[in-house]
């Protein structure tokens, strides 16, 4: 079952404080990392995160951590990426791959010889 949450009505720090006072067992899960990052960007922009005082930034981070399930360090990295580059994207790492020993032509020849 998919439930869509609209949190656009939360626009102030006092509303976030009230939300955080609620039961701690509330947790949401995004469908994909891309959607989570888009939502995170919207929240940062909507709440003007970079213009807030440190105390208020802490509340916003707790709010985001409660909803997304991210750890403090993960969230700090994503926010730093938003501040440095202006956008949050999914950073994929390329793993080392050994060079292919056989080309597709070689594989076709092996199939022919084995049949």
N, C-alpha and C. Protein backbone atom coordinates (compact mmCIF):
# COMPACT_ATOMS: atom_id res chain seq x y z
N UNK A 1 0.84 -1.17 0.00
CA UNK A 1 0.00 0.00 0.00
C UNK A 1 0.89 1.24 0.00
N UNK A 2 0.60 2.18 -0.86
CA UNK A 2 1.37 3.40 -0.97
C UNK A 2 0.55 4.57 -0.43
N UNK A 3 1.16 5.30 0.48
CA UNK A 3 0.53 6.48 1.04
C UNK A 3 1.41 7.67 0.71
N UNK A 4 0.82 8.71 0.15
CA UNK A 4 1.60 9.90 -0.16
C UNK A 4 1.38 10.93 0.93
N UNK A 5 2.48 11.47 1.42
CA UNK A 5 2.40 12.45 2.49
C UNK A 5 2.66 13.83 1.92
N UNK A 6 1.80 14.77 2.25
CA UNK A 6 1.98 16.15 1.84
C UNK A 6 2.34 16.96 3.07
N UNK A 7 3.59 17.36 3.16
CA UNK A 7 4.03 18.13 4.33
C UNK A 7 4.26 19.59 3.97
N UNK A 8 3.65 20.05 2.90
CA UNK A 8 3.84 21.43 2.46
C UNK A 8 3.27 22.44 3.44
N UNK A 9 2.39 21.99 4.33
CA UNK A 9 1.82 22.90 5.33
C UNK A 9 2.79 23.19 6.47
N UNK A 10 3.85 22.41 6.58
CA UNK A 10 4.87 22.65 7.61
C UNK A 10 5.87 23.64 7.05
N UNK A 11 5.77 24.90 7.51
CA UNK A 11 6.62 25.96 6.97
C UNK A 11 7.36 26.73 8.06
N UNK A 12 7.14 26.39 9.33
CA UNK A 12 7.81 27.14 10.39
C UNK A 12 8.46 26.19 11.40
N UNK A 13 9.34 26.74 12.18
CA UNK A 13 10.06 25.96 13.18
C UNK A 13 9.12 25.49 14.29
N UNK A 14 8.13 26.30 14.64
CA UNK A 14 7.18 25.88 15.69
C UNK A 14 6.37 24.67 15.25
N UNK A 15 6.03 24.59 13.98
CA UNK A 15 5.31 23.42 13.47
C UNK A 15 6.20 22.18 13.51
N UNK A 16 7.46 22.35 13.24
CA UNK A 16 8.40 21.23 13.31
C UNK A 16 8.54 20.77 14.76
N UNK A 17 8.60 21.71 15.69
CA UNK A 17 8.69 21.35 17.11
C UNK A 17 7.48 20.52 17.53
N UNK A 18 6.30 20.92 17.08
CA UNK A 18 5.08 20.17 17.41
C UNK A 18 5.12 18.77 16.80
N UNK A 19 5.59 18.68 15.57
CA UNK A 19 5.69 17.37 14.92
C UNK A 19 6.65 16.46 15.68
N UNK A 20 7.77 17.01 16.13
CA UNK A 20 8.77 16.21 16.83
C UNK A 20 8.29 15.77 18.21
N UNK A 21 7.31 16.48 18.78
CA UNK A 21 6.77 16.09 20.08
C UNK A 21 5.87 14.86 19.97
N UNK A 22 5.40 14.57 18.75
CA UNK A 22 4.53 13.41 18.54
C UNK A 22 5.28 12.12 18.82
N UNK A 23 4.58 11.04 18.74
CA UNK A 23 5.12 9.71 18.99
C UNK A 23 6.37 9.45 18.13
N UNK A 24 7.41 8.92 18.74
CA UNK A 24 8.66 8.66 18.04
C UNK A 24 8.58 7.48 17.06
N UNK A 25 7.53 6.72 17.11
CA UNK A 25 7.45 5.54 16.25
C UNK A 25 7.03 5.88 14.82
N UNK A 26 6.70 7.14 14.56
CA UNK A 26 6.31 7.53 13.21
C UNK A 26 7.56 7.57 12.33
N UNK A 27 7.51 6.80 11.24
CA UNK A 27 8.62 6.82 10.29
C UNK A 27 8.06 6.51 8.92
N UNK A 28 8.55 7.21 7.94
CA UNK A 28 8.09 7.02 6.58
C UNK A 28 9.24 6.48 5.75
N UNK A 29 8.89 5.87 4.64
CA UNK A 29 9.92 5.33 3.76
C UNK A 29 9.61 5.79 2.34
N UNK A 30 10.62 6.33 1.67
CA UNK A 30 10.42 6.78 0.30
C UNK A 30 10.53 5.59 -0.64
N UNK A 31 9.95 5.75 -1.80
CA UNK A 31 9.96 4.68 -2.79
C UNK A 31 11.37 4.51 -3.35
N UNK A 32 12.04 5.62 -3.62
CA UNK A 32 13.39 5.54 -4.18
C UNK A 32 14.26 6.64 -3.58
N UNK A 33 15.56 6.49 -3.76
CA UNK A 33 16.50 7.50 -3.26
C UNK A 33 16.33 8.81 -4.02
N UNK A 34 15.98 8.70 -5.29
CA UNK A 34 15.77 9.90 -6.09
C UNK A 34 14.62 10.73 -5.53
N UNK A 35 13.51 10.06 -5.20
CA UNK A 35 12.36 10.77 -4.61
C UNK A 35 12.71 11.35 -3.26
N UNK A 36 13.47 10.59 -2.46
CA UNK A 36 13.88 11.08 -1.15
C UNK A 36 14.72 12.33 -1.28
N UNK A 37 15.66 12.34 -2.23
CA UNK A 37 16.52 13.49 -2.43
C UNK A 37 15.75 14.70 -2.95
N UNK A 38 14.76 14.47 -3.80
CA UNK A 38 13.92 15.56 -4.28
C UNK A 38 13.13 16.17 -3.13
N UNK A 39 12.57 15.32 -2.29
CA UNK A 39 11.82 15.81 -1.13
C UNK A 39 12.74 16.60 -0.21
N UNK A 40 13.94 16.09 0.01
CA UNK A 40 14.91 16.75 0.88
C UNK A 40 15.26 18.14 0.35
N UNK A 41 15.47 18.26 -0.95
CA UNK A 41 15.75 19.56 -1.55
C UNK A 41 14.58 20.51 -1.35
N UNK A 42 13.36 20.02 -1.52
CA UNK A 42 12.18 20.87 -1.33
C UNK A 42 12.09 21.38 0.10
N UNK A 43 12.36 20.52 1.06
CA UNK A 43 12.29 20.92 2.47
C UNK A 43 13.36 21.96 2.78
N UNK A 44 14.57 21.74 2.28
CA UNK A 44 15.66 22.69 2.53
C UNK A 44 15.31 24.07 1.97
N UNK A 45 14.74 24.09 0.78
CA UNK A 45 14.37 25.36 0.15
C UNK A 45 13.19 26.00 0.88
N UNK A 46 12.16 25.19 1.16
CA UNK A 46 10.93 25.71 1.78
C UNK A 46 11.20 26.31 3.16
N UNK A 47 12.06 25.67 3.93
CA UNK A 47 12.34 26.14 5.29
C UNK A 47 13.53 27.10 5.35
N UNK A 48 14.12 27.40 4.19
CA UNK A 48 15.29 28.29 4.11
C UNK A 48 16.37 27.84 5.09
N UNK A 49 16.75 26.59 4.96
CA UNK A 49 17.64 25.94 5.91
C UNK A 49 18.95 26.70 6.12
N UNK A 50 19.56 27.19 5.06
CA UNK A 50 20.87 27.81 5.17
C UNK A 50 20.84 29.18 5.84
N UNK A 51 19.65 29.75 5.99
CA UNK A 51 19.53 31.05 6.67
C UNK A 51 19.10 30.91 8.13
N UNK A 52 18.85 29.68 8.58
CA UNK A 52 18.40 29.46 9.95
C UNK A 52 19.55 29.54 10.94
N UNK A 53 19.17 29.77 12.21
CA UNK A 53 20.17 29.71 13.28
C UNK A 53 20.53 28.25 13.52
N UNK A 54 21.63 28.01 14.20
CA UNK A 54 22.12 26.65 14.42
C UNK A 54 21.09 25.82 15.20
N UNK A 55 20.46 26.42 16.19
CA UNK A 55 19.45 25.73 17.00
C UNK A 55 18.27 25.27 16.14
N UNK A 56 17.86 26.13 15.22
CA UNK A 56 16.74 25.78 14.33
C UNK A 56 17.15 24.76 13.28
N UNK A 57 18.40 24.84 12.83
CA UNK A 57 18.89 23.85 11.87
C UNK A 57 18.86 22.46 12.48
N UNK A 58 19.18 22.38 13.77
CA UNK A 58 19.16 21.09 14.46
C UNK A 58 17.75 20.51 14.46
N UNK A 59 16.74 21.36 14.69
CA UNK A 59 15.36 20.89 14.68
C UNK A 59 14.95 20.40 13.29
N UNK A 60 15.36 21.14 12.27
CA UNK A 60 15.02 20.74 10.90
C UNK A 60 15.69 19.41 10.58
N UNK A 61 16.95 19.23 10.98
CA UNK A 61 17.65 17.97 10.73
C UNK A 61 16.95 16.81 11.45
N UNK A 62 16.50 17.04 12.69
CA UNK A 62 15.79 15.98 13.42
C UNK A 62 14.49 15.62 12.70
N UNK A 63 13.80 16.62 12.20
CA UNK A 63 12.56 16.40 11.45
C UNK A 63 12.83 15.55 10.22
N UNK A 64 13.86 15.90 9.46
CA UNK A 64 14.19 15.16 8.24
C UNK A 64 14.64 13.74 8.59
N UNK A 65 15.44 13.61 9.65
CA UNK A 65 15.90 12.28 10.05
C UNK A 65 14.73 11.40 10.48
N UNK A 66 13.75 11.98 11.16
CA UNK A 66 12.59 11.22 11.61
C UNK A 66 11.80 10.70 10.42
N UNK A 67 11.63 11.54 9.42
CA UNK A 67 10.81 11.14 8.27
C UNK A 67 11.55 10.18 7.35
N UNK A 68 12.81 10.48 7.04
CA UNK A 68 13.52 9.68 6.05
C UNK A 68 14.22 8.46 6.62
N UNK A 69 14.55 8.49 7.90
CA UNK A 69 15.29 7.38 8.49
C UNK A 69 16.79 7.47 8.24
N UNK A 70 17.25 8.61 7.71
CA UNK A 70 18.68 8.80 7.49
C UNK A 70 19.39 9.05 8.82
N UNK A 71 20.66 8.70 8.88
CA UNK A 71 21.45 9.01 10.07
C UNK A 71 21.92 10.46 9.98
N UNK A 72 22.44 10.95 11.09
CA UNK A 72 22.90 12.34 11.14
C UNK A 72 24.03 12.57 10.14
N UNK A 73 24.97 11.65 10.06
CA UNK A 73 26.10 11.84 9.15
C UNK A 73 25.66 11.77 7.69
N UNK A 74 24.73 10.88 7.36
CA UNK A 74 24.24 10.81 5.98
C UNK A 74 23.56 12.11 5.59
N UNK A 75 22.72 12.61 6.50
CA UNK A 75 22.00 13.84 6.23
C UNK A 75 22.95 15.03 6.12
N UNK A 76 23.97 15.06 6.97
CA UNK A 76 24.95 16.14 6.91
C UNK A 76 25.66 16.15 5.56
N UNK A 77 26.01 14.97 5.05
CA UNK A 77 26.66 14.88 3.74
C UNK A 77 25.75 15.39 2.62
N UNK A 78 24.47 15.00 2.67
CA UNK A 78 23.53 15.44 1.63
C UNK A 78 23.31 16.94 1.68
N UNK A 79 23.21 17.50 2.88
CA UNK A 79 23.02 18.95 3.01
C UNK A 79 24.26 19.69 2.53
N UNK A 80 25.43 19.16 2.84
CA UNK A 80 26.68 19.78 2.37
C UNK A 80 26.75 19.75 0.85
N UNK A 81 26.29 18.67 0.25
CA UNK A 81 26.27 18.56 -1.21
C UNK A 81 25.32 19.60 -1.81
N UNK A 82 24.18 19.81 -1.14
CA UNK A 82 23.22 20.82 -1.60
C UNK A 82 23.85 22.21 -1.50
N UNK A 83 24.56 22.48 -0.42
CA UNK A 83 25.18 23.78 -0.23
C UNK A 83 26.31 24.03 -1.23
N UNK A 84 27.11 23.01 -1.48
CA UNK A 84 28.27 23.17 -2.35
C UNK A 84 27.90 23.22 -3.83
N UNK A 85 27.00 22.34 -4.26
CA UNK A 85 26.68 22.22 -5.68
C UNK A 85 25.31 22.77 -6.05
N UNK A 86 24.46 23.05 -5.05
CA UNK A 86 23.13 23.58 -5.35
C UNK A 86 22.11 22.51 -5.68
N UNK A 87 22.51 21.26 -5.64
CA UNK A 87 21.60 20.16 -5.99
C UNK A 87 22.05 18.91 -5.26
N UNK A 88 21.09 18.08 -4.93
CA UNK A 88 21.40 16.79 -4.32
C UNK A 88 21.13 15.72 -5.38
N UNK A 89 22.11 14.91 -5.63
CA UNK A 89 21.93 13.82 -6.59
C UNK A 89 22.44 12.55 -5.95
N UNK A 90 21.99 11.45 -6.54
CA UNK A 90 22.42 10.14 -6.06
C UNK A 90 23.80 9.88 -6.61
N UNK A 91 24.75 9.75 -5.71
CA UNK A 91 26.14 9.56 -6.11
C UNK A 91 26.41 8.07 -6.26
N UNK A 92 26.61 7.65 -7.49
CA UNK A 92 26.89 6.24 -7.71
C UNK A 92 28.39 6.06 -7.87
N UNK A 93 28.89 5.03 -7.29
CA UNK A 93 30.31 4.76 -7.38
C UNK A 93 30.53 3.63 -8.37
N UNK A 94 31.57 3.76 -9.15
CA UNK A 94 31.92 2.69 -10.08
C UNK A 94 32.90 1.77 -9.42
N UNK A 95 32.58 0.54 -9.41
CA UNK A 95 33.49 -0.45 -8.83
C UNK A 95 34.49 -0.90 -9.87
N UNK A 96 35.62 -1.36 -9.37
CA UNK A 96 36.64 -1.85 -10.28
C UNK A 96 36.14 -3.12 -10.96
N UNK A 97 36.29 -3.16 -12.24
CA UNK A 97 35.91 -4.35 -13.01
C UNK A 97 37.14 -4.84 -13.76
N UNK A 98 37.35 -6.11 -13.69
CA UNK A 98 38.45 -6.68 -14.46
C UNK A 98 38.10 -6.60 -15.94
N UNK A 99 39.12 -6.46 -16.79
CA UNK A 99 38.83 -6.40 -18.22
C UNK A 99 38.27 -7.73 -18.70
N UNK A 100 37.36 -7.64 -19.67
CA UNK A 100 36.77 -8.86 -20.20
C UNK A 100 37.83 -9.66 -20.95
N UNK A 101 37.82 -10.93 -20.68
CA UNK A 101 38.81 -11.79 -21.31
C UNK A 101 38.39 -12.16 -22.73
N UNK A 102 37.09 -12.31 -22.91
CA UNK A 102 36.57 -12.72 -24.22
C UNK A 102 35.67 -11.62 -24.77
N UNK A 103 35.83 -11.35 -26.03
CA UNK A 103 34.95 -10.40 -26.72
C UNK A 103 33.70 -11.16 -27.15
N UNK A 104 32.65 -10.46 -27.54
CA UNK A 104 31.45 -11.16 -28.02
C UNK A 104 31.73 -12.08 -29.22
N UNK A 105 32.68 -11.68 -30.06
CA UNK A 105 33.06 -12.55 -31.20
C UNK A 105 33.65 -13.86 -30.70
N UNK A 106 34.52 -13.75 -29.69
CA UNK A 106 35.15 -14.94 -29.12
C UNK A 106 34.11 -15.88 -28.52
N UNK A 107 33.13 -15.31 -27.84
CA UNK A 107 32.06 -16.13 -27.23
C UNK A 107 31.27 -16.84 -28.32
N UNK A 108 30.98 -16.15 -29.41
CA UNK A 108 30.25 -16.77 -30.52
C UNK A 108 31.04 -17.93 -31.11
N UNK A 109 32.34 -17.77 -31.25
CA UNK A 109 33.18 -18.85 -31.78
C UNK A 109 33.20 -20.04 -30.84
N UNK A 110 33.29 -19.78 -29.53
CA UNK A 110 33.28 -20.87 -28.56
C UNK A 110 31.97 -21.66 -28.61
N UNK A 111 30.86 -20.94 -28.79
CA UNK A 111 29.54 -21.60 -28.89
C UNK A 111 29.49 -22.48 -30.11
N UNK A 112 30.01 -21.96 -31.22
CA UNK A 112 30.01 -22.74 -32.46
C UNK A 112 30.84 -24.01 -32.31
N UNK A 113 32.01 -23.89 -31.70
CA UNK A 113 32.90 -25.06 -31.55
C UNK A 113 32.33 -26.10 -30.60
N UNK A 114 31.61 -25.64 -29.57
CA UNK A 114 31.06 -26.58 -28.57
C UNK A 114 29.81 -27.28 -29.09
N UNK A 115 29.19 -26.73 -30.08
CA UNK A 115 27.97 -27.36 -30.60
C UNK A 115 28.27 -28.25 -31.73
